[in-house]
N, C-alpha and C. Protein backbone atom coordinates (compact mmCIF):
# COMPACT_ATOMS: atom_id res chain seq x y z
N MET A 1 2.25 -45.12 -18.83
CA MET A 1 2.91 -44.68 -17.61
C MET A 1 1.88 -44.03 -16.69
N ALA A 2 1.86 -44.44 -15.48
CA ALA A 2 0.90 -43.92 -14.50
C ALA A 2 1.38 -42.59 -13.93
N THR A 3 0.45 -41.68 -13.75
CA THR A 3 0.78 -40.39 -13.16
C THR A 3 0.37 -40.41 -11.69
N VAL A 4 1.24 -39.89 -10.89
CA VAL A 4 0.96 -39.83 -9.46
C VAL A 4 0.69 -38.37 -9.10
N LYS A 5 -0.45 -38.14 -8.48
CA LYS A 5 -0.78 -36.79 -8.04
C LYS A 5 -0.44 -36.67 -6.56
N LEU A 6 0.30 -35.67 -6.24
CA LEU A 6 0.64 -35.39 -4.85
C LEU A 6 -0.26 -34.28 -4.34
N SER A 7 -0.75 -34.46 -3.15
CA SER A 7 -1.57 -33.40 -2.55
C SER A 7 -0.94 -32.96 -1.24
N LEU A 8 -1.02 -31.70 -1.00
CA LEU A 8 -0.45 -31.11 0.19
C LEU A 8 -1.53 -30.97 1.25
N ASN A 9 -1.28 -31.52 2.41
CA ASN A 9 -2.25 -31.45 3.50
C ASN A 9 -2.03 -30.13 4.25
N THR A 10 -2.72 -29.09 3.81
CA THR A 10 -2.53 -27.76 4.41
C THR A 10 -3.08 -27.70 5.82
N ASP A 11 -4.08 -28.50 6.12
CA ASP A 11 -4.63 -28.51 7.49
C ASP A 11 -3.57 -28.97 8.49
N GLN A 12 -2.81 -30.00 8.12
CA GLN A 12 -1.76 -30.50 9.00
C GLN A 12 -0.65 -29.47 9.15
N ILE A 13 -0.27 -28.82 8.06
CA ILE A 13 0.77 -27.80 8.10
C ILE A 13 0.34 -26.65 9.01
N THR A 14 -0.90 -26.22 8.85
CA THR A 14 -1.44 -25.13 9.66
C THR A 14 -1.47 -25.52 11.13
N GLU A 15 -1.93 -26.74 11.40
CA GLU A 15 -2.00 -27.21 12.79
C GLU A 15 -0.61 -27.24 13.43
N GLU A 16 0.39 -27.72 12.69
CA GLU A 16 1.76 -27.78 13.21
C GLU A 16 2.34 -26.39 13.41
N PHE A 17 2.06 -25.49 12.48
CA PHE A 17 2.59 -24.13 12.58
C PHE A 17 2.06 -23.44 13.83
N PHE A 18 0.78 -23.64 14.15
CA PHE A 18 0.16 -22.95 15.27
C PHE A 18 0.23 -23.72 16.59
N GLU A 19 0.94 -24.84 16.59
CA GLU A 19 1.10 -25.60 17.82
C GLU A 19 1.96 -24.79 18.80
N ASP A 20 1.51 -24.68 20.03
CA ASP A 20 2.23 -23.92 21.08
C ASP A 20 2.48 -22.47 20.68
N THR A 21 1.47 -21.81 20.17
CA THR A 21 1.60 -20.39 19.83
C THR A 21 0.62 -19.56 20.64
N LYS A 22 0.93 -18.29 20.73
CA LYS A 22 0.02 -17.29 21.30
C LYS A 22 -0.04 -16.16 20.28
N LEU A 23 -1.21 -15.59 20.14
CA LEU A 23 -1.40 -14.53 19.16
C LEU A 23 -2.16 -13.38 19.79
N LEU A 24 -1.59 -12.19 19.65
CA LEU A 24 -2.23 -10.97 20.14
C LEU A 24 -2.62 -10.09 18.96
N GLY A 25 -3.77 -9.45 19.07
CA GLY A 25 -4.18 -8.45 18.10
C GLY A 25 -3.98 -7.08 18.74
N ILE A 26 -3.48 -6.12 17.95
CA ILE A 26 -3.14 -4.81 18.47
C ILE A 26 -3.77 -3.72 17.61
N VAL A 27 -4.39 -2.76 18.25
CA VAL A 27 -4.91 -1.58 17.58
C VAL A 27 -4.06 -0.40 18.01
N THR A 28 -3.53 0.33 17.03
CA THR A 28 -2.69 1.49 17.32
C THR A 28 -2.81 2.52 16.20
N THR A 29 -2.49 3.74 16.52
CA THR A 29 -2.50 4.81 15.53
C THR A 29 -1.13 4.99 14.88
N VAL A 30 -0.17 4.18 15.29
CA VAL A 30 1.23 4.35 14.88
C VAL A 30 1.54 3.46 13.67
N LYS A 31 2.34 3.97 12.74
CA LYS A 31 2.79 3.21 11.57
C LYS A 31 3.71 2.07 12.00
N ASP A 32 3.86 1.05 11.14
CA ASP A 32 4.61 -0.15 11.52
C ASP A 32 6.05 0.12 11.92
N TYR A 33 6.79 0.93 11.15
CA TYR A 33 8.19 1.18 11.48
C TYR A 33 8.33 1.91 12.80
N LYS A 34 7.42 2.83 13.10
CA LYS A 34 7.45 3.58 14.36
C LYS A 34 7.03 2.68 15.53
N PHE A 35 6.05 1.81 15.27
CA PHE A 35 5.61 0.89 16.31
C PHE A 35 6.76 -0.05 16.70
N CYS A 36 7.46 -0.59 15.72
CA CYS A 36 8.60 -1.48 16.01
C CYS A 36 9.72 -0.70 16.69
N TRP A 37 9.94 0.52 16.29
CA TRP A 37 10.96 1.35 16.94
C TRP A 37 10.61 1.52 18.42
N ASN A 38 9.32 1.79 18.71
CA ASN A 38 8.87 1.91 20.10
C ASN A 38 9.06 0.59 20.86
N LEU A 39 8.69 -0.53 20.24
CA LEU A 39 8.89 -1.84 20.87
C LEU A 39 10.36 -2.05 21.21
N ASN A 40 11.22 -1.77 20.25
CA ASN A 40 12.65 -2.00 20.44
C ASN A 40 13.25 -1.08 21.50
N ASN A 41 12.86 0.17 21.50
CA ASN A 41 13.45 1.13 22.44
C ASN A 41 12.84 1.08 23.83
N LEU A 42 11.54 1.01 23.91
CA LEU A 42 10.89 1.03 25.21
C LEU A 42 10.95 -0.32 25.93
N LEU A 43 10.91 -1.40 25.15
CA LEU A 43 10.86 -2.74 25.74
C LEU A 43 12.19 -3.49 25.61
N GLU A 44 13.16 -2.84 25.00
CA GLU A 44 14.50 -3.42 24.80
C GLU A 44 14.44 -4.74 24.03
N LEU A 45 13.66 -4.74 22.96
CA LEU A 45 13.58 -5.88 22.05
C LEU A 45 14.38 -5.54 20.80
N ASP A 46 14.39 -6.43 19.84
CA ASP A 46 15.14 -6.19 18.61
C ASP A 46 14.36 -6.68 17.39
N PHE A 47 13.14 -6.17 17.22
CA PHE A 47 12.35 -6.52 16.05
C PHE A 47 13.01 -5.93 14.81
N ARG A 48 13.11 -6.77 13.78
CA ARG A 48 13.65 -6.35 12.48
C ARG A 48 12.71 -6.85 11.40
N ILE A 49 12.57 -6.05 10.35
CA ILE A 49 11.74 -6.51 9.24
C ILE A 49 12.46 -7.68 8.57
N ASN A 50 11.70 -8.70 8.19
CA ASN A 50 12.27 -9.86 7.53
C ASN A 50 11.58 -10.01 6.17
N HIS A 51 12.27 -9.57 5.12
CA HIS A 51 11.68 -9.60 3.78
C HIS A 51 11.51 -11.02 3.26
N ASP A 52 12.25 -11.97 3.83
CA ASP A 52 12.14 -13.36 3.38
C ASP A 52 10.82 -14.00 3.77
N ILE A 53 10.19 -13.52 4.82
CA ILE A 53 8.91 -14.10 5.25
C ILE A 53 7.73 -13.13 5.05
N GLU A 54 7.97 -12.09 4.28
CA GLU A 54 6.90 -11.15 3.95
C GLU A 54 5.75 -11.92 3.30
N ILE A 55 4.53 -11.59 3.67
CA ILE A 55 3.35 -12.28 3.15
C ILE A 55 2.88 -11.58 1.88
N LYS A 56 2.77 -12.35 0.81
CA LYS A 56 2.30 -11.82 -0.48
C LYS A 56 0.97 -12.49 -0.81
N LEU A 57 -0.05 -11.68 -0.98
CA LEU A 57 -1.38 -12.20 -1.33
C LEU A 57 -1.90 -11.52 -2.58
N LYS A 58 -2.54 -12.30 -3.44
CA LYS A 58 -3.15 -11.74 -4.64
C LYS A 58 -4.64 -11.64 -4.40
N ARG A 59 -5.13 -10.42 -4.46
CA ARG A 59 -6.56 -10.15 -4.31
C ARG A 59 -6.96 -9.09 -5.32
N LYS A 60 -8.15 -9.25 -5.86
CA LYS A 60 -8.69 -8.28 -6.82
C LYS A 60 -7.70 -8.03 -7.96
N ARG A 61 -7.09 -9.10 -8.45
CA ARG A 61 -6.12 -9.05 -9.55
C ARG A 61 -4.93 -8.14 -9.25
N ARG A 62 -4.57 -8.06 -7.98
CA ARG A 62 -3.46 -7.21 -7.56
C ARG A 62 -2.68 -7.92 -6.47
N LEU A 63 -1.39 -7.66 -6.38
CA LEU A 63 -0.54 -8.27 -5.38
C LEU A 63 -0.37 -7.31 -4.20
N TYR A 64 -0.57 -7.84 -2.99
CA TYR A 64 -0.43 -7.06 -1.76
C TYR A 64 0.69 -7.67 -0.93
N PHE A 65 1.50 -6.81 -0.30
CA PHE A 65 2.63 -7.25 0.52
C PHE A 65 2.42 -6.82 1.96
N PHE A 66 2.43 -7.78 2.86
CA PHE A 66 2.25 -7.52 4.29
C PHE A 66 3.56 -7.78 5.00
N SER A 67 4.12 -6.74 5.58
CA SER A 67 5.43 -6.87 6.23
C SER A 67 5.33 -7.69 7.50
N VAL A 68 6.42 -8.42 7.78
CA VAL A 68 6.54 -9.22 8.99
C VAL A 68 7.86 -8.85 9.66
N TYR A 69 7.76 -8.47 10.93
CA TYR A 69 8.93 -8.15 11.73
C TYR A 69 9.21 -9.35 12.63
N GLU A 70 10.49 -9.63 12.85
CA GLU A 70 10.86 -10.82 13.61
C GLU A 70 11.82 -10.45 14.73
N TYR A 71 11.64 -11.11 15.87
CA TYR A 71 12.56 -10.99 17.00
C TYR A 71 12.72 -12.37 17.63
N ARG A 72 13.95 -12.82 17.72
CA ARG A 72 14.26 -14.11 18.36
C ARG A 72 14.84 -13.83 19.74
N ASP A 73 14.17 -14.36 20.75
CA ASP A 73 14.62 -14.16 22.13
C ASP A 73 15.97 -14.87 22.31
N PRO A 74 17.01 -14.12 22.70
CA PRO A 74 18.34 -14.74 22.84
C PRO A 74 18.46 -15.72 24.01
N ASN A 75 17.52 -15.67 24.95
CA ASN A 75 17.58 -16.53 26.14
C ASN A 75 16.71 -17.77 26.05
N SER A 76 16.01 -17.97 24.92
CA SER A 76 15.16 -19.14 24.75
C SER A 76 14.98 -19.39 23.26
N SER A 77 14.15 -20.34 22.93
CA SER A 77 13.87 -20.61 21.51
C SER A 77 12.61 -19.87 21.03
N LEU A 78 12.09 -18.98 21.88
CA LEU A 78 10.88 -18.24 21.56
C LEU A 78 11.14 -17.24 20.44
N CYS A 79 10.26 -17.28 19.43
CA CYS A 79 10.33 -16.33 18.31
C CYS A 79 9.08 -15.47 18.33
N HIS A 80 9.27 -14.20 18.06
CA HIS A 80 8.17 -13.24 18.01
C HIS A 80 8.05 -12.75 16.56
N TYR A 81 6.83 -12.73 16.07
CA TYR A 81 6.56 -12.23 14.72
C TYR A 81 5.46 -11.19 14.80
N LEU A 82 5.73 -10.04 14.23
CA LEU A 82 4.75 -8.96 14.21
C LEU A 82 4.31 -8.75 12.76
N TYR A 83 3.05 -9.07 12.49
CA TYR A 83 2.48 -8.95 11.15
C TYR A 83 1.75 -7.62 11.03
N ASN A 84 1.97 -6.94 9.93
CA ASN A 84 1.17 -5.76 9.62
C ASN A 84 -0.11 -6.28 8.98
N ASN A 85 -1.26 -5.95 9.55
CA ASN A 85 -2.53 -6.48 9.06
C ASN A 85 -3.12 -5.65 7.91
N LEU A 86 -2.52 -4.54 7.58
CA LEU A 86 -3.08 -3.66 6.55
C LEU A 86 -2.00 -3.24 5.55
N HIS A 87 -2.35 -3.34 4.27
CA HIS A 87 -1.47 -2.83 3.21
C HIS A 87 -2.33 -2.25 2.10
N ASP A 88 -2.16 -0.98 1.89
CA ASP A 88 -2.82 -0.28 0.78
C ASP A 88 -4.33 -0.55 0.72
N GLY A 89 -4.98 -0.50 1.88
CA GLY A 89 -6.42 -0.66 1.96
C GLY A 89 -6.91 -2.09 2.00
N GLU A 90 -6.02 -3.05 1.97
CA GLU A 90 -6.39 -4.47 2.02
C GLU A 90 -5.88 -5.08 3.32
N PHE A 91 -6.64 -6.03 3.86
CA PHE A 91 -6.29 -6.64 5.14
C PHE A 91 -5.75 -8.05 4.96
N LEU A 92 -4.71 -8.37 5.72
CA LEU A 92 -4.16 -9.73 5.73
C LEU A 92 -5.22 -10.70 6.24
N LEU A 93 -5.82 -10.37 7.37
CA LEU A 93 -6.92 -11.16 7.93
C LEU A 93 -8.18 -10.30 7.90
N PRO A 94 -8.99 -10.44 6.85
CA PRO A 94 -10.19 -9.61 6.71
C PRO A 94 -11.17 -9.72 7.87
N GLU A 95 -11.15 -10.85 8.59
CA GLU A 95 -12.06 -11.00 9.73
C GLU A 95 -11.65 -10.13 10.91
N PHE A 96 -10.45 -9.53 10.85
CA PHE A 96 -9.97 -8.65 11.92
C PHE A 96 -9.60 -7.28 11.36
N LYS A 97 -10.53 -6.65 10.66
CA LYS A 97 -10.29 -5.35 10.04
C LYS A 97 -10.00 -4.26 11.07
N HIS A 98 -10.41 -4.46 12.29
CA HIS A 98 -10.19 -3.46 13.33
C HIS A 98 -8.77 -3.54 13.92
N LEU A 99 -8.03 -4.61 13.61
CA LEU A 99 -6.68 -4.77 14.16
C LEU A 99 -5.62 -4.27 13.19
N ASP A 100 -4.62 -3.58 13.72
CA ASP A 100 -3.54 -3.07 12.89
C ASP A 100 -2.37 -4.05 12.81
N PHE A 101 -2.11 -4.75 13.92
CA PHE A 101 -0.99 -5.68 13.98
C PHE A 101 -1.41 -6.98 14.64
N LEU A 102 -0.68 -8.04 14.30
CA LEU A 102 -0.84 -9.34 14.93
C LEU A 102 0.54 -9.75 15.46
N TRP A 103 0.63 -10.07 16.74
CA TRP A 103 1.89 -10.47 17.36
C TRP A 103 1.80 -11.95 17.68
N LEU A 104 2.57 -12.75 16.94
CA LEU A 104 2.59 -14.20 17.11
C LEU A 104 3.85 -14.60 17.88
N MET A 105 3.67 -15.42 18.91
CA MET A 105 4.79 -15.96 19.69
C MET A 105 4.78 -17.47 19.51
N LYS A 106 5.92 -18.03 19.08
CA LYS A 106 5.95 -19.47 18.83
C LYS A 106 7.33 -20.06 19.08
N ASN A 107 7.41 -21.38 19.01
CA ASN A 107 8.62 -22.20 19.17
C ASN A 107 9.03 -22.43 20.61
N ASP A 108 8.25 -21.97 21.54
CA ASP A 108 8.50 -22.23 22.96
C ASP A 108 7.18 -22.00 23.71
N THR A 109 7.09 -22.56 24.88
CA THR A 109 5.88 -22.39 25.67
C THR A 109 5.79 -20.95 26.17
N VAL A 110 4.64 -20.35 25.95
CA VAL A 110 4.38 -19.00 26.43
C VAL A 110 3.41 -19.13 27.60
N THR A 111 3.89 -18.80 28.78
CA THR A 111 3.04 -18.92 29.97
C THR A 111 2.03 -17.77 30.00
N ASP A 112 0.97 -17.97 30.77
CA ASP A 112 -0.03 -16.92 30.93
C ASP A 112 0.59 -15.68 31.57
N GLU A 113 1.53 -15.89 32.48
CA GLU A 113 2.20 -14.77 33.14
C GLU A 113 3.02 -13.95 32.13
N TYR A 114 3.73 -14.64 31.25
CA TYR A 114 4.53 -13.94 30.23
C TYR A 114 3.62 -13.18 29.28
N LEU A 115 2.52 -13.80 28.88
CA LEU A 115 1.58 -13.14 27.99
C LEU A 115 1.00 -11.88 28.63
N GLU A 116 0.67 -11.95 29.90
CA GLU A 116 0.17 -10.77 30.61
C GLU A 116 1.24 -9.69 30.70
N GLN A 117 2.51 -10.10 30.84
CA GLN A 117 3.62 -9.14 30.88
C GLN A 117 3.76 -8.43 29.54
N VAL A 118 3.64 -9.19 28.45
CA VAL A 118 3.71 -8.59 27.11
C VAL A 118 2.58 -7.58 26.92
N LYS A 119 1.38 -7.94 27.35
CA LYS A 119 0.24 -7.02 27.26
C LYS A 119 0.51 -5.75 28.07
N ALA A 120 1.08 -5.89 29.25
CA ALA A 120 1.40 -4.73 30.09
C ALA A 120 2.43 -3.85 29.40
N TRP A 121 3.43 -4.45 28.78
CA TRP A 121 4.45 -3.69 28.04
C TRP A 121 3.80 -2.91 26.91
N LEU A 122 2.91 -3.58 26.18
CA LEU A 122 2.25 -2.94 25.04
C LEU A 122 1.42 -1.74 25.48
N ARG A 123 0.80 -1.84 26.65
CA ARG A 123 -0.01 -0.72 27.15
C ARG A 123 0.83 0.52 27.43
N GLU A 124 2.13 0.35 27.63
CA GLU A 124 3.03 1.47 27.89
C GLU A 124 3.43 2.22 26.63
N ILE A 125 3.18 1.65 25.47
CA ILE A 125 3.60 2.25 24.21
C ILE A 125 2.59 3.31 23.78
N PRO A 126 3.07 4.52 23.49
CA PRO A 126 2.16 5.58 23.05
C PRO A 126 1.41 5.18 21.77
N GLY A 127 0.13 5.44 21.74
CA GLY A 127 -0.68 5.17 20.56
C GLY A 127 -1.38 3.82 20.56
N VAL A 128 -1.01 2.92 21.48
CA VAL A 128 -1.67 1.61 21.54
C VAL A 128 -3.03 1.79 22.21
N GLN A 129 -4.07 1.38 21.51
CA GLN A 129 -5.44 1.58 21.98
C GLN A 129 -6.10 0.31 22.49
N LEU A 130 -5.71 -0.84 21.93
CA LEU A 130 -6.35 -2.10 22.30
C LEU A 130 -5.38 -3.25 22.09
N ILE A 131 -5.42 -4.20 23.03
CA ILE A 131 -4.66 -5.44 22.92
C ILE A 131 -5.63 -6.56 23.25
N THR A 132 -5.71 -7.56 22.38
CA THR A 132 -6.62 -8.68 22.61
C THR A 132 -5.94 -9.98 22.22
N GLU A 133 -6.21 -11.01 22.99
CA GLU A 133 -5.67 -12.33 22.64
C GLU A 133 -6.61 -12.99 21.65
N LEU A 134 -6.03 -13.56 20.61
CA LEU A 134 -6.81 -14.25 19.57
C LEU A 134 -6.57 -15.74 19.70
N THR A 135 -7.62 -16.50 19.74
CA THR A 135 -7.50 -17.95 19.78
C THR A 135 -7.53 -18.48 18.35
N ASN A 136 -6.96 -19.65 18.16
CA ASN A 136 -6.91 -20.25 16.83
C ASN A 136 -8.30 -20.44 16.23
N GLU A 137 -9.28 -20.68 17.08
CA GLU A 137 -10.64 -20.90 16.59
C GLU A 137 -11.24 -19.63 15.97
N LYS A 138 -10.79 -18.47 16.42
CA LYS A 138 -11.34 -17.21 15.92
C LYS A 138 -10.79 -16.83 14.55
N ILE A 139 -9.66 -17.43 14.16
CA ILE A 139 -8.99 -17.03 12.92
C ILE A 139 -9.47 -17.91 11.77
N LYS A 140 -10.14 -17.28 10.80
CA LYS A 140 -10.66 -18.01 9.65
C LYS A 140 -9.56 -18.29 8.63
N ASN A 141 -8.66 -17.35 8.45
CA ASN A 141 -7.64 -17.44 7.39
C ASN A 141 -6.25 -17.65 7.99
N LYS A 142 -6.11 -18.65 8.84
CA LYS A 142 -4.84 -18.94 9.51
C LYS A 142 -3.70 -19.16 8.52
N ASP A 143 -4.02 -19.77 7.39
CA ASP A 143 -2.97 -20.08 6.42
C ASP A 143 -2.29 -18.84 5.86
N TYR A 144 -2.91 -17.66 5.97
CA TYR A 144 -2.27 -16.43 5.52
C TYR A 144 -1.08 -16.03 6.41
N LEU A 145 -1.05 -16.55 7.62
CA LEU A 145 0.02 -16.21 8.56
C LEU A 145 1.21 -17.14 8.45
N ILE A 146 1.09 -18.20 7.68
CA ILE A 146 2.16 -19.20 7.57
C ILE A 146 3.16 -18.76 6.52
N PHE A 147 4.41 -18.82 6.89
CA PHE A 147 5.48 -18.46 5.93
C PHE A 147 6.41 -19.62 5.74
């Protein structure tokens, strides 16, 4: 009997996941729950933690859990995901150790004007020190963001 080996094309999955996305990196002194509370109250959003898409990574023979907050825009198909980049001294994306959060926008076209508006909103939140746009080419470990 012949055995068939199936292989998963992770490059294609990654490419499809990041199609039509925008990603912001955020530096702040505020903890994740307080940061989301500020986003929800000051910007009238509704970010909620989603345990079903929490990122679990095994490093140094230990399991690390990176929380992901989700907000679905009720007026479009745009979904917002806020990843915590740090858990117990370990980073989700080690190439961005200086970033505390990653804000991914996907499932709809994000215009440059909307992205600038989001950056302006973020600047209004107490404790936010830096906001930077991350391009797909800059991210070495993109597959860590896929759920």
